[in-house]
């Protein structure tokens, strides 16, 4: 498969790299869904903490964790936007948050200039 960090490349079903690209596309979508779910749970936990439901976390830990999640989301979104996740979500006619993030990133990556 073409270097995923520098190029956008889709394989047709008759090409040799099609099945590995499909597998990678589905895996990337699933990983992005998991990270976004983790982000949602983390946000809910922080919200509960603000209302005194949980023990307080130090702000530095919260900031570090949020930065890690944000970086992971950005990395996976770009990987998905450059790979087979785009044709997969188009074929599935998805319009959820994951699909929107991937399509928005793909749109940015494919703009001329």
N, C-alpha and C. Protein backbone atom coordinates (compact mmCIF):
# COMPACT_ATOMS: atom_id res chain seq x y z
N UNK A 1 0.85 -1.18 0.00
CA UNK A 1 0.00 0.00 0.00
C UNK A 1 0.89 1.23 0.00
N UNK A 2 0.40 2.30 -0.56
CA UNK A 2 1.13 3.55 -0.62
C UNK A 2 1.32 4.10 0.78
N UNK A 3 2.40 4.85 0.99
CA UNK A 3 2.68 5.44 2.30
C UNK A 3 1.49 6.28 2.74
N UNK A 4 0.85 5.87 3.81
CA UNK A 4 -0.39 6.49 4.26
C UNK A 4 -0.18 7.92 4.77
N UNK A 5 1.03 8.28 5.13
CA UNK A 5 1.29 9.61 5.68
C UNK A 5 1.50 10.68 4.61
N UNK A 6 1.73 10.30 3.38
CA UNK A 6 2.04 11.30 2.36
C UNK A 6 1.08 11.30 1.19
N UNK A 7 0.32 10.24 0.98
CA UNK A 7 -0.51 10.15 -0.21
C UNK A 7 -1.89 9.61 0.12
N UNK A 8 -2.82 9.91 -0.76
CA UNK A 8 -4.15 9.33 -0.68
C UNK A 8 -4.24 8.34 -1.82
N UNK A 9 -4.58 7.10 -1.51
CA UNK A 9 -4.61 6.06 -2.52
C UNK A 9 -5.72 5.10 -2.21
N UNK A 10 -6.62 4.89 -3.17
CA UNK A 10 -7.67 3.89 -3.03
C UNK A 10 -7.39 2.75 -3.98
N UNK A 11 -7.61 1.55 -3.52
CA UNK A 11 -7.42 0.37 -4.35
C UNK A 11 -8.77 -0.09 -4.89
N UNK A 12 -8.80 -0.45 -6.13
CA UNK A 12 -10.00 -1.04 -6.72
C UNK A 12 -10.09 -2.50 -6.29
N UNK A 13 -11.30 -3.07 -6.28
CA UNK A 13 -11.45 -4.46 -5.81
C UNK A 13 -10.59 -5.48 -6.54
N UNK A 14 -10.22 -5.23 -7.78
CA UNK A 14 -9.41 -6.19 -8.52
C UNK A 14 -7.90 -6.04 -8.27
N UNK A 15 -7.50 -4.99 -7.54
CA UNK A 15 -6.08 -4.76 -7.30
C UNK A 15 -5.58 -5.58 -6.10
N UNK A 16 -4.30 -5.87 -6.13
CA UNK A 16 -3.67 -6.71 -5.11
C UNK A 16 -3.82 -6.15 -3.70
N UNK A 17 -3.69 -4.86 -3.50
CA UNK A 17 -3.72 -4.30 -2.16
C UNK A 17 -5.10 -3.98 -1.61
N UNK A 18 -6.14 -4.37 -2.32
CA UNK A 18 -7.50 -3.99 -1.93
C UNK A 18 -7.89 -4.52 -0.55
N UNK A 19 -7.74 -5.82 -0.31
CA UNK A 19 -8.20 -6.40 0.96
C UNK A 19 -7.42 -5.88 2.17
N UNK A 20 -6.10 -5.77 2.09
CA UNK A 20 -5.40 -5.15 3.23
C UNK A 20 -5.83 -3.69 3.46
N UNK A 21 -6.08 -2.96 2.37
CA UNK A 21 -6.52 -1.56 2.52
C UNK A 21 -7.90 -1.51 3.16
N UNK A 22 -8.79 -2.41 2.77
CA UNK A 22 -10.12 -2.46 3.38
C UNK A 22 -10.01 -2.78 4.86
N UNK A 23 -9.21 -3.77 5.18
CA UNK A 23 -9.01 -4.18 6.58
C UNK A 23 -8.49 -3.01 7.40
N UNK A 24 -7.50 -2.29 6.85
CA UNK A 24 -6.94 -1.13 7.53
C UNK A 24 -7.99 -0.02 7.69
N UNK A 25 -8.79 0.19 6.66
CA UNK A 25 -9.84 1.22 6.73
C UNK A 25 -10.85 0.93 7.83
N UNK A 26 -11.33 -0.31 7.88
CA UNK A 26 -12.29 -0.68 8.93
C UNK A 26 -11.65 -0.59 10.32
N UNK A 27 -10.40 -1.03 10.43
CA UNK A 27 -9.70 -0.98 11.73
C UNK A 27 -9.51 0.47 12.18
N UNK A 28 -9.16 1.34 11.26
CA UNK A 28 -8.95 2.75 11.61
C UNK A 28 -10.26 3.39 12.07
N UNK A 29 -11.35 3.09 11.37
CA UNK A 29 -12.66 3.61 11.78
C UNK A 29 -12.99 3.13 13.18
N UNK A 30 -12.78 1.84 13.44
CA UNK A 30 -13.09 1.28 14.76
C UNK A 30 -12.23 1.92 15.85
N UNK A 31 -10.94 2.12 15.56
CA UNK A 31 -10.05 2.76 16.54
C UNK A 31 -10.50 4.19 16.83
N UNK A 32 -10.89 4.91 15.80
CA UNK A 32 -11.35 6.29 15.99
C UNK A 32 -12.64 6.30 16.81
N UNK A 33 -13.55 5.37 16.56
CA UNK A 33 -14.77 5.28 17.36
C UNK A 33 -14.44 5.02 18.83
N UNK A 34 -13.49 4.14 19.08
CA UNK A 34 -13.11 3.81 20.46
C UNK A 34 -12.50 5.01 21.17
N UNK A 35 -11.64 5.74 20.50
CA UNK A 35 -11.01 6.92 21.12
C UNK A 35 -12.05 8.00 21.39
N UNK A 36 -12.97 8.19 20.45
CA UNK A 36 -14.03 9.19 20.67
C UNK A 36 -14.96 8.78 21.82
N UNK A 37 -15.23 7.47 21.94
CA UNK A 37 -16.02 6.99 23.08
C UNK A 37 -15.28 7.24 24.38
N UNK A 38 -13.97 6.99 24.38
CA UNK A 38 -13.15 7.25 25.57
C UNK A 38 -13.18 8.73 25.92
N UNK A 39 -13.10 9.59 24.90
CA UNK A 39 -13.15 11.03 25.13
C UNK A 39 -14.48 11.42 25.77
N UNK A 40 -15.58 10.84 25.30
CA UNK A 40 -16.89 11.14 25.86
C UNK A 40 -16.97 10.69 27.32
N UNK A 41 -16.48 9.49 27.61
CA UNK A 41 -16.48 9.00 29.00
C UNK A 41 -15.62 9.88 29.89
N UNK A 42 -14.47 10.30 29.37
CA UNK A 42 -13.58 11.17 30.14
C UNK A 42 -14.26 12.50 30.42
N UNK A 43 -14.93 13.07 29.41
CA UNK A 43 -15.65 14.33 29.61
C UNK A 43 -16.74 14.19 30.66
N UNK A 44 -17.44 13.06 30.65
CA UNK A 44 -18.50 12.83 31.63
C UNK A 44 -17.91 12.68 33.03
N UNK A 45 -16.76 12.03 33.10
CA UNK A 45 -16.10 11.86 34.40
C UNK A 45 -15.67 13.21 34.97
N UNK A 46 -15.13 14.07 34.12
CA UNK A 46 -14.73 15.41 34.56
C UNK A 46 -15.96 16.21 34.98
N UNK A 47 -17.04 16.09 34.24
CA UNK A 47 -18.29 16.79 34.59
C UNK A 47 -18.78 16.33 35.96
N UNK A 48 -18.74 15.03 36.23
CA UNK A 48 -19.14 14.51 37.54
C UNK A 48 -18.22 15.03 38.63
N UNK A 49 -16.93 15.11 38.31
CA UNK A 49 -15.96 15.62 39.28
C UNK A 49 -16.30 17.05 39.66
N UNK A 50 -16.71 17.85 38.68
CA UNK A 50 -17.04 19.25 38.96
C UNK A 50 -18.23 19.37 39.88
N UNK A 51 -19.09 18.36 39.86
CA UNK A 51 -20.27 18.38 40.73
C UNK A 51 -20.04 17.60 42.02
N UNK A 52 -18.80 17.24 42.30
CA UNK A 52 -18.45 16.59 43.56
C UNK A 52 -18.78 15.12 43.63
N UNK A 53 -19.07 14.47 42.51
CA UNK A 53 -19.43 13.07 42.52
C UNK A 53 -18.20 12.18 42.67
N UNK A 54 -17.10 12.58 42.06
CA UNK A 54 -15.88 11.78 42.10
C UNK A 54 -14.77 12.52 42.81
N UNK A 55 -13.72 11.79 43.15
CA UNK A 55 -12.54 12.43 43.71
C UNK A 55 -11.90 13.32 42.65
N UNK A 56 -11.37 14.42 43.09
CA UNK A 56 -10.80 15.39 42.15
C UNK A 56 -9.48 14.90 41.57
N UNK A 57 -9.30 15.15 40.29
CA UNK A 57 -8.03 14.90 39.61
C UNK A 57 -7.27 16.20 39.58
N UNK A 58 -5.96 16.14 39.68
CA UNK A 58 -5.17 17.37 39.52
C UNK A 58 -5.36 17.92 38.09
N UNK A 59 -5.42 19.24 37.97
CA UNK A 59 -5.65 19.86 36.66
C UNK A 59 -4.57 19.46 35.65
N UNK A 60 -3.34 19.31 36.12
CA UNK A 60 -2.26 18.92 35.20
C UNK A 60 -2.52 17.54 34.59
N UNK A 61 -3.09 16.61 35.39
CA UNK A 61 -3.43 15.28 34.86
C UNK A 61 -4.56 15.37 33.85
N UNK A 62 -5.54 16.19 34.13
CA UNK A 62 -6.66 16.38 33.21
C UNK A 62 -6.15 16.95 31.89
N UNK A 63 -5.33 17.97 31.96
CA UNK A 63 -4.80 18.61 30.75
C UNK A 63 -3.95 17.64 29.93
N UNK A 64 -3.11 16.86 30.62
CA UNK A 64 -2.25 15.91 29.91
C UNK A 64 -3.08 14.82 29.23
N UNK A 65 -4.08 14.34 29.93
CA UNK A 65 -4.93 13.30 29.37
C UNK A 65 -5.73 13.84 28.17
N UNK A 66 -6.25 15.04 28.30
CA UNK A 66 -7.00 15.66 27.21
C UNK A 66 -6.11 15.88 25.99
N UNK A 67 -4.88 16.29 26.21
CA UNK A 67 -3.95 16.50 25.10
C UNK A 67 -3.63 15.18 24.40
N UNK A 68 -3.47 14.12 25.17
CA UNK A 68 -3.19 12.80 24.60
C UNK A 68 -4.37 12.33 23.74
N UNK A 69 -5.57 12.47 24.26
CA UNK A 69 -6.77 12.05 23.52
C UNK A 69 -6.90 12.87 22.24
N UNK A 70 -6.71 14.18 22.34
CA UNK A 70 -6.82 15.06 21.18
C UNK A 70 -5.81 14.68 20.11
N UNK A 71 -4.59 14.40 20.50
CA UNK A 71 -3.54 14.01 19.55
C UNK A 71 -3.88 12.68 18.88
N UNK A 72 -4.39 11.74 19.65
CA UNK A 72 -4.76 10.43 19.11
C UNK A 72 -5.91 10.56 18.11
N UNK A 73 -6.89 11.39 18.43
CA UNK A 73 -8.01 11.62 17.51
C UNK A 73 -7.51 12.24 16.21
N UNK A 74 -6.64 13.23 16.32
CA UNK A 74 -6.09 13.89 15.13
C UNK A 74 -5.32 12.90 14.26
N UNK A 75 -4.50 12.07 14.88
CA UNK A 75 -3.69 11.09 14.15
C UNK A 75 -4.58 10.08 13.43
N UNK A 76 -5.55 9.54 14.13
CA UNK A 76 -6.44 8.54 13.52
C UNK A 76 -7.33 9.16 12.44
N UNK A 77 -7.77 10.38 12.66
CA UNK A 77 -8.61 11.05 11.66
C UNK A 77 -7.83 11.27 10.38
N UNK A 78 -6.60 11.73 10.51
CA UNK A 78 -5.78 11.94 9.30
C UNK A 78 -5.50 10.62 8.60
N UNK A 79 -5.18 9.59 9.37
CA UNK A 79 -4.92 8.28 8.77
C UNK A 79 -6.15 7.77 8.03
N UNK A 80 -7.31 7.93 8.65
CA UNK A 80 -8.55 7.49 8.01
C UNK A 80 -8.84 8.31 6.75
N UNK A 81 -8.58 9.61 6.81
CA UNK A 81 -8.85 10.49 5.68
C UNK A 81 -7.94 10.19 4.49
N UNK A 82 -6.78 9.62 4.74
CA UNK A 82 -5.84 9.29 3.67
C UNK A 82 -6.01 7.86 3.17
N UNK A 83 -6.79 7.06 3.86
CA UNK A 83 -6.87 5.65 3.51
C UNK A 83 -8.25 5.22 3.06
N UNK A 84 -8.49 3.93 3.18
CA UNK A 84 -9.72 3.33 2.68
C UNK A 84 -10.93 3.60 3.55
N UNK A 85 -10.79 4.31 4.64
CA UNK A 85 -11.94 4.63 5.47
C UNK A 85 -12.91 5.54 4.72
N UNK A 86 -12.40 6.40 3.85
CA UNK A 86 -13.26 7.33 3.11
C UNK A 86 -14.24 6.57 2.22
N UNK A 87 -13.79 5.69 1.34
CA UNK A 87 -14.78 4.97 0.53
C UNK A 87 -15.68 4.05 1.36
N UNK A 88 -15.18 3.57 2.48
CA UNK A 88 -16.00 2.71 3.35
C UNK A 88 -17.16 3.51 3.93
N UNK A 89 -16.87 4.66 4.51
CA UNK A 89 -17.97 5.43 5.12
C UNK A 89 -18.92 5.99 4.06
N UNK A 90 -18.39 6.28 2.88
CA UNK A 90 -19.28 6.71 1.79
C UNK A 90 -20.20 5.57 1.36
N UNK A 91 -19.65 4.37 1.24
CA UNK A 91 -20.46 3.21 0.85
C UNK A 91 -21.52 2.90 1.90
N UNK A 92 -21.17 3.12 3.17
CA UNK A 92 -22.11 2.87 4.27
C UNK A 92 -23.09 4.03 4.45
N UNK A 93 -22.87 5.11 3.73
CA UNK A 93 -23.69 6.32 3.83
C UNK A 93 -23.81 6.81 5.28
N UNK A 94 -22.67 6.80 5.95
CA UNK A 94 -22.64 7.23 7.35
C UNK A 94 -22.65 8.75 7.44
N UNK A 95 -23.29 9.25 8.49
CA UNK A 95 -23.32 10.69 8.72
C UNK A 95 -23.07 11.02 10.19
N UNK A 96 -22.52 10.07 10.93
CA UNK A 96 -22.26 10.29 12.35
C UNK A 96 -20.99 11.13 12.55
N UNK A 97 -20.62 11.34 13.80
CA UNK A 97 -19.46 12.18 14.11
C UNK A 97 -18.18 11.64 13.49
N UNK A 98 -17.99 10.34 13.56
CA UNK A 98 -16.78 9.73 13.00
C UNK A 98 -16.70 10.01 11.51
N UNK A 99 -17.79 9.77 10.80
CA UNK A 99 -17.82 10.00 9.36
C UNK A 99 -17.56 11.47 9.03
N UNK A 100 -18.17 12.37 9.78
CA UNK A 100 -17.99 13.79 9.52
C UNK A 100 -16.54 14.22 9.75
N UNK A 101 -15.93 13.71 10.80
CA UNK A 101 -14.52 14.04 11.05
C UNK A 101 -13.63 13.57 9.91
N UNK A 102 -13.86 12.35 9.46
CA UNK A 102 -13.04 11.78 8.38
C UNK A 102 -13.26 12.53 7.08
N UNK A 103 -14.51 12.79 6.73
CA UNK A 103 -14.80 13.49 5.48
C UNK A 103 -14.29 14.92 5.50
N UNK A 104 -14.40 15.59 6.64
CA UNK A 104 -13.86 16.95 6.76
C UNK A 104 -12.35 16.95 6.57
N UNK A 105 -11.67 16.03 7.21
CA UNK A 105 -10.21 15.93 7.07
C UNK A 105 -9.84 15.59 5.63
N UNK A 106 -10.59 14.70 5.01
CA UNK A 106 -10.31 14.32 3.62
C UNK A 106 -10.50 15.54 2.70
N UNK A 107 -11.53 16.31 2.94
CA UNK A 107 -11.79 17.51 2.15
C UNK A 107 -10.61 18.49 2.26
N UNK A 108 -10.10 18.66 3.47
CA UNK A 108 -8.96 19.55 3.69
C UNK A 108 -7.72 19.02 2.97
N UNK A 109 -7.48 17.73 3.08
CA UNK A 109 -6.29 17.12 2.47
C UNK A 109 -6.30 17.17 0.94
N UNK A 110 -7.50 17.16 0.37
CA UNK A 110 -7.59 17.11 -1.09
C UNK A 110 -7.80 18.48 -1.73
N UNK A 111 -7.82 19.54 -0.92
CA UNK A 111 -7.95 20.88 -1.49
C UNK A 111 -6.66 21.23 -2.22
N UNK A 112 -6.79 21.83 -3.39
CA UNK A 112 -5.57 22.23 -4.10
C UNK A 112 -4.84 23.35 -3.36
N UNK A 113 -3.54 23.28 -3.46
CA UNK A 113 -2.70 24.35 -2.87
C UNK A 113 -2.48 24.15 -1.49
